[in-house]
């Protein structure tokens, strides 16, 4: 059976399970719990398919290893925050409160389940491209692999800094000025973990694109190939999610407005100088 077909079947079954569980438990975070797991499964299905078809390569194995490292790190971080203990993402609860029950259920099915689960397939498709274009690793592969690892380390550092802040906040009784992390990587980006998460999948896409180019494709079809839809839609998702998350944070912490004015939203960048009021 074709590897892509197997991935689609697994995704469909997982999506159905997440939807049914969300209805039974009234908890819409089932996709969140699958987020760091199913892409790893999909990538290794593509890896296995490549070797079954006699088209295995070091590149596709490396992509499997990179996806596994990404998934292991994200699963650990999600677990230590209580993600697998029945805790629902607070943003879904807020959205549920803003919608009528039937509206939220449509949103749950079409966006939370269908869109996000489809996206988790799309971001792994560069591995399918690599599987279809077996060739030796190149200098470009080395560059993009190194970039992926660097972004993985960056997200690990950002998540750890955020974790330590929230632990200190918890120890302080739930209040710790200014209410959100502003040091370390958070001095240069309001959401460095979000930035590095997206960047990893752009690097993953670049590895697949390298495979296509070494397989004879040009700029169109190689450098720019249909699997770019995955990281592009992931970026759209993160931007929308970030805007919504920040609207909640800004409503809770007055100091966030100033932080937002001086600090880049995603890409790490030196903070802007704070505006100084003129004296008359």
Protein backbone atom coordinates (compact mmCIF):
# COMPACT_ATOMS: atom_id res chain seq x y z
CA UNK A 1 0.00 0.00 0.00
CA UNK A 2 1.24 3.49 -0.84
CA UNK A 3 2.78 5.29 2.15
CA UNK A 4 0.75 8.45 1.56
CA UNK A 5 -2.47 6.44 1.54
CA UNK A 6 -1.50 4.83 4.85
CA UNK A 7 -0.80 8.26 6.32
CA UNK A 8 -4.18 9.54 5.16
CA UNK A 9 -5.94 6.52 6.68
CA UNK A 10 -4.12 6.95 10.00
CA UNK A 11 -4.93 10.67 9.98
CA UNK A 12 -8.61 10.00 9.25
CA UNK A 13 -8.89 7.45 12.07
CA UNK A 14 -7.07 9.75 14.48
CA UNK A 15 -9.27 12.68 13.49
CA UNK A 16 -12.44 10.66 14.03
CA UNK A 17 -11.17 9.50 17.42
CA UNK A 18 -10.33 13.06 18.49
CA UNK A 19 -13.76 14.29 17.40
CA UNK A 20 -15.68 11.53 19.18
CA UNK A 21 -13.61 11.96 22.34
CA UNK A 22 -14.20 15.72 22.27
CA UNK A 23 -17.96 15.09 22.19
CA UNK A 24 -17.89 12.49 24.94
CA UNK A 25 -15.59 14.37 27.30
CA UNK A 26 -16.50 17.96 26.32
CA UNK A 27 -12.75 18.50 26.11
CA UNK A 28 -11.50 19.85 22.79
CA UNK A 29 -7.78 19.41 23.47
CA UNK A 30 -7.49 15.92 21.98
CA UNK A 31 -5.81 17.25 18.86
CA UNK A 32 -3.35 19.08 21.12
CA UNK A 33 -2.48 15.74 22.72
CA UNK A 34 -1.92 14.15 19.32
CA UNK A 35 -0.03 17.14 17.91
CA UNK A 36 3.47 16.03 18.86
CA UNK A 37 2.88 12.34 18.16
CA UNK A 38 1.13 11.78 14.84
CA UNK A 39 3.57 13.78 12.66
CA UNK A 40 6.38 11.52 13.89
CA UNK A 41 4.31 8.48 12.93
CA UNK A 42 3.60 9.94 9.50
CA UNK A 43 7.25 10.69 8.78
CA UNK A 44 8.34 7.19 9.74
CA UNK A 45 5.62 5.74 7.51
CA UNK A 46 7.22 7.65 4.63
CA UNK A 47 10.65 6.39 5.71
CA UNK A 48 9.45 2.80 5.84
CA UNK A 49 7.69 3.17 2.50
CA UNK A 50 10.89 4.42 0.90
CA UNK A 51 12.87 1.39 2.03
CA UNK A 52 10.09 -1.04 1.11
CA UNK A 53 10.17 0.42 -2.41
CA UNK A 54 13.95 0.21 -2.56
CA UNK A 55 14.29 4.00 -2.45
CA UNK A 56 15.61 4.46 1.05
CA UNK A 57 18.25 7.10 1.65
CA UNK A 58 20.22 8.68 4.45
CA UNK A 59 18.26 11.89 3.92
CA UNK A 60 14.87 10.37 4.61
CA UNK A 61 16.20 8.57 7.70
CA UNK A 62 17.65 11.84 9.00
CA UNK A 63 14.25 13.46 8.48
CA UNK A 64 12.73 10.70 10.57
CA UNK A 65 15.26 11.30 13.32
CA UNK A 66 14.68 15.07 13.25
CA UNK A 67 10.91 14.62 13.44
CA UNK A 68 11.34 12.21 16.35
CA UNK A 69 13.54 14.68 18.23
CA UNK A 70 10.95 17.40 17.61
CA UNK A 71 8.13 15.17 18.82
CA UNK A 72 9.96 13.91 21.91
CA UNK A 73 10.81 17.43 23.05
CA UNK A 74 7.31 18.77 22.45
CA UNK A 75 5.65 15.77 24.09
CA UNK A 76 7.81 16.19 27.19
CA UNK A 77 7.01 19.89 27.44
CA UNK A 78 3.29 19.30 26.92
CA UNK A 79 3.26 16.50 29.50
CA UNK A 80 5.00 18.46 32.24
CA UNK A 81 2.40 21.22 31.86
CA UNK A 82 -0.35 18.66 32.49
CA UNK A 83 -1.45 18.29 28.88
CA UNK A 84 -2.17 14.57 29.22
CA UNK A 85 -4.05 14.82 32.51
CA UNK A 86 -7.34 16.06 31.08
CA UNK A 87 -6.47 19.74 31.18
CA UNK A 88 -8.11 21.61 28.29
CA UNK A 89 -6.38 24.50 26.54
CA UNK A 90 -7.78 27.63 28.21
CA UNK A 91 -8.27 29.29 24.83
CA UNK A 92 -10.85 26.73 23.75
CA UNK A 93 -12.86 27.40 26.92
CA UNK A 94 -12.82 31.13 26.16
CA UNK A 95 -13.96 30.56 22.58
CA UNK A 96 -16.68 28.19 23.76
CA UNK A 97 -17.98 30.95 26.00
CA UNK A 98 -18.15 33.38 23.08
CA UNK A 99 -20.12 31.07 20.80
CA UNK A 100 -23.43 29.31 20.85
CA UNK A 101 -23.08 25.56 21.46
CA UNK A 102 -23.85 24.62 17.85
CA UNK A 103 -21.43 27.24 16.54
CA UNK A 104 -18.64 25.92 18.71
CA UNK A 105 -19.30 22.34 17.60
CA UNK A 106 -18.99 23.39 13.96
CA UNK A 107 -15.77 25.21 14.84
CA UNK A 108 -14.58 22.14 16.70
CA UNK A 109 -15.19 19.82 13.76
CA UNK A 110 -13.99 22.05 10.92
CA UNK A 111 -11.07 23.89 12.52
CA UNK A 112 -9.89 22.15 15.66
CA UNK A 113 -10.23 18.67 14.17
CA UNK A 114 -10.23 18.82 10.36
CA UNK A 115 -7.96 21.80 9.70
CA UNK A 116 -5.37 21.01 12.32
CA UNK A 117 -5.24 17.29 11.64
CA UNK A 118 -4.89 17.94 7.91
CA UNK A 119 -2.12 20.41 8.70
CA UNK A 120 -0.24 17.75 10.64
CA UNK A 121 -0.21 15.64 7.49
CA UNK A 122 0.83 18.54 5.27
CA UNK A 123 3.88 19.52 7.32
CA UNK A 124 5.28 15.99 7.01
CA UNK A 125 4.95 15.74 3.22
CA UNK A 126 8.53 16.93 2.56
CA UNK A 127 9.53 13.48 3.86
CA UNK A 128 7.45 11.97 1.05
CA UNK A 129 9.32 14.17 -1.43
CA UNK A 130 12.63 12.95 -0.01
CA UNK A 131 11.41 9.36 -0.22
CA UNK A 132 10.57 9.83 -3.89
CA UNK A 133 13.94 11.41 -4.67
CA UNK A 134 16.64 9.25 -3.08
CA UNK A 135 20.13 10.66 -3.42
CA UNK A 136 23.23 11.34 -1.36
CA UNK A 137 23.22 14.11 1.21
CA UNK A 138 24.58 17.46 0.04
CA UNK A 139 25.98 20.59 1.63
CA UNK A 140 22.52 22.12 1.47
CA UNK A 141 21.17 19.20 3.48
CA UNK A 142 23.84 19.79 6.11
CA UNK A 143 22.90 23.46 6.29
CA UNK A 144 19.18 22.82 6.71
CA UNK A 145 19.73 19.95 9.15
CA UNK A 146 21.93 22.23 11.25
CA UNK A 147 19.25 24.93 11.07
CA UNK A 148 16.59 22.47 12.23
CA UNK A 149 18.73 21.42 15.18
CA UNK A 150 19.46 25.06 16.06
CA UNK A 151 15.76 25.89 15.97
CA UNK A 152 15.02 22.81 18.09
CA UNK A 153 17.55 23.96 20.68
CA UNK A 154 16.08 27.47 20.56
CA UNK A 155 12.58 26.20 21.26
CA UNK A 156 13.88 24.00 24.07
CA UNK A 157 15.57 26.99 25.71
CA UNK A 158 12.50 29.20 25.27
CA UNK A 159 10.14 26.59 26.73
CA UNK A 160 12.48 26.02 29.67
CA UNK A 161 12.69 29.75 30.38
CA UNK A 162 8.91 30.01 30.24
CA UNK A 163 8.54 26.95 32.46
CA UNK A 164 10.90 28.40 35.07
CA UNK A 165 8.99 31.70 35.05
CA UNK A 166 5.67 29.99 35.65
CA UNK A 167 7.18 27.85 38.39
CA UNK A 168 8.44 30.98 40.14
CA UNK A 169 5.05 32.58 39.62
CA UNK A 170 3.37 29.56 41.19
CA UNK A 171 5.77 29.66 44.14
CA UNK A 172 4.98 33.36 44.58
CA UNK A 173 1.31 32.58 45.03
CA UNK A 174 0.21 33.07 41.43
CA UNK A 175 1.38 36.65 41.06
CA UNK A 176 4.78 37.65 39.73
CA UNK A 177 5.30 41.00 38.03
CA UNK A 178 4.78 41.79 35.27
CA UNK A 179 2.74 38.59 34.92
CA UNK A 180 4.55 37.15 31.89
CA UNK A 181 8.11 36.21 30.92
CA UNK A 182 10.26 39.10 29.67
CA UNK A 183 13.82 37.89 30.19
CA UNK A 184 16.12 35.55 28.29
CA UNK A 185 14.82 34.91 24.80
CA UNK A 186 11.59 36.64 25.78
CA UNK A 187 13.50 39.90 25.86
CA UNK A 188 13.88 39.63 22.08
CA UNK A 189 10.60 37.95 21.12
CA UNK A 190 7.21 37.80 22.79
CA UNK A 191 6.85 34.22 21.56
CA UNK A 192 10.29 32.77 20.77
CA UNK A 193 9.00 29.22 21.19
CA UNK A 194 6.35 29.85 18.53
CA UNK A 195 8.99 31.24 16.18
CA UNK A 196 11.33 28.28 16.59
CA UNK A 197 8.46 25.81 16.22
CA UNK A 198 7.54 27.22 12.82
CA UNK A 199 11.17 27.56 11.78
CA UNK A 200 11.80 23.85 12.32
CA UNK A 201 9.12 22.92 9.82
CA UNK A 202 10.43 25.43 7.29
CA UNK A 203 13.84 23.78 7.65
CA UNK A 204 12.15 20.39 7.26
CA UNK A 205 10.53 21.63 4.06
CA UNK A 206 13.92 22.86 2.83
CA UNK A 207 15.41 19.38 3.26
CA UNK A 208 12.61 17.91 1.17
CA UNK A 209 13.09 20.65 -1.42
CA UNK A 210 16.80 19.81 -1.56
CA UNK A 211 15.88 16.21 -2.34
CA UNK A 212 13.63 17.38 -5.17
CA UNK A 213 16.36 19.60 -6.61
CA UNK A 214 18.98 16.86 -6.47
CA UNK A 215 16.43 14.64 -8.17
CA UNK A 216 16.41 16.98 -11.15
CA UNK A 217 13.64 19.46 -10.34
CA UNK A 218 14.26 23.16 -10.86
CA UNK A 219 13.12 26.18 -8.92
CA UNK A 220 9.48 25.43 -9.64
CA UNK A 221 8.77 21.92 -8.47
CA UNK A 222 12.00 21.74 -6.51
CA UNK A 223 12.86 24.80 -4.46
CA UNK A 224 9.19 25.74 -4.61
CA UNK A 225 7.08 22.61 -4.55
CA UNK A 226 3.51 21.89 -3.41
CA UNK A 227 4.58 20.75 0.06
CA UNK A 228 5.34 24.38 0.92
CA UNK A 229 1.63 24.58 1.74
CA UNK A 230 2.36 22.78 5.03
CA UNK A 231 4.75 25.24 6.68
CA UNK A 232 2.88 28.16 5.11
CA UNK A 233 -0.43 27.13 6.68
CA UNK A 234 1.36 26.38 9.95
CA UNK A 235 2.65 29.96 9.95
CA UNK A 236 -0.86 31.27 9.29
CA UNK A 237 -2.16 29.16 12.18
CA UNK A 238 0.50 30.43 14.56
CA UNK A 239 -0.02 34.07 13.63
CA UNK A 240 -3.76 33.78 14.20
CA UNK A 241 -3.26 31.87 17.43
CA UNK A 242 -0.70 34.39 18.66
CA UNK A 243 -2.99 37.34 18.00
CA UNK A 244 -5.81 35.63 19.91
CA UNK A 245 -3.52 34.60 22.78
CA UNK A 246 -2.15 38.12 23.09
CA UNK A 247 -5.62 39.61 23.24
CA UNK A 248 -6.25 37.47 26.31
CA UNK A 249 -2.89 38.30 27.89
CA UNK A 250 -3.30 42.04 27.28
CA UNK A 251 -6.71 41.98 28.98
CA UNK A 252 -5.14 40.42 32.09
CA UNK A 253 -1.89 42.36 32.37
CA UNK A 254 -1.75 46.14 31.75
CA UNK A 255 2.04 46.01 31.34
CA UNK A 256 1.66 43.81 28.28
CA UNK A 257 0.82 46.80 26.09
CA UNK A 258 4.26 48.29 26.67
CA UNK A 259 5.93 44.91 26.19
CA UNK A 260 4.11 44.53 22.89
CA UNK A 261 5.29 47.96 21.73
CA UNK A 262 8.93 47.25 22.46
CA UNK A 263 9.32 43.56 21.64
CA UNK A 264 9.04 41.63 18.38
CA UNK A 265 6.05 39.31 18.22
CA UNK A 266 7.79 36.25 16.78
CA UNK A 267 11.24 36.63 15.20
CA UNK A 268 13.87 37.41 17.87
CA UNK A 269 15.02 41.00 17.44
CA UNK A 270 16.66 43.63 19.66
CA UNK A 271 13.94 45.37 21.68
CA UNK A 272 12.81 48.80 20.58
CA UNK A 273 13.43 51.74 22.88
CA UNK A 274 10.49 52.71 25.02
CA UNK A 275 8.80 55.96 24.18
CA UNK A 276 9.74 58.76 26.57
CA UNK A 277 7.08 61.31 27.38
CA UNK A 278 8.16 64.91 26.73
CA UNK A 279 7.90 67.40 29.55
CA UNK A 280 6.20 70.72 28.92
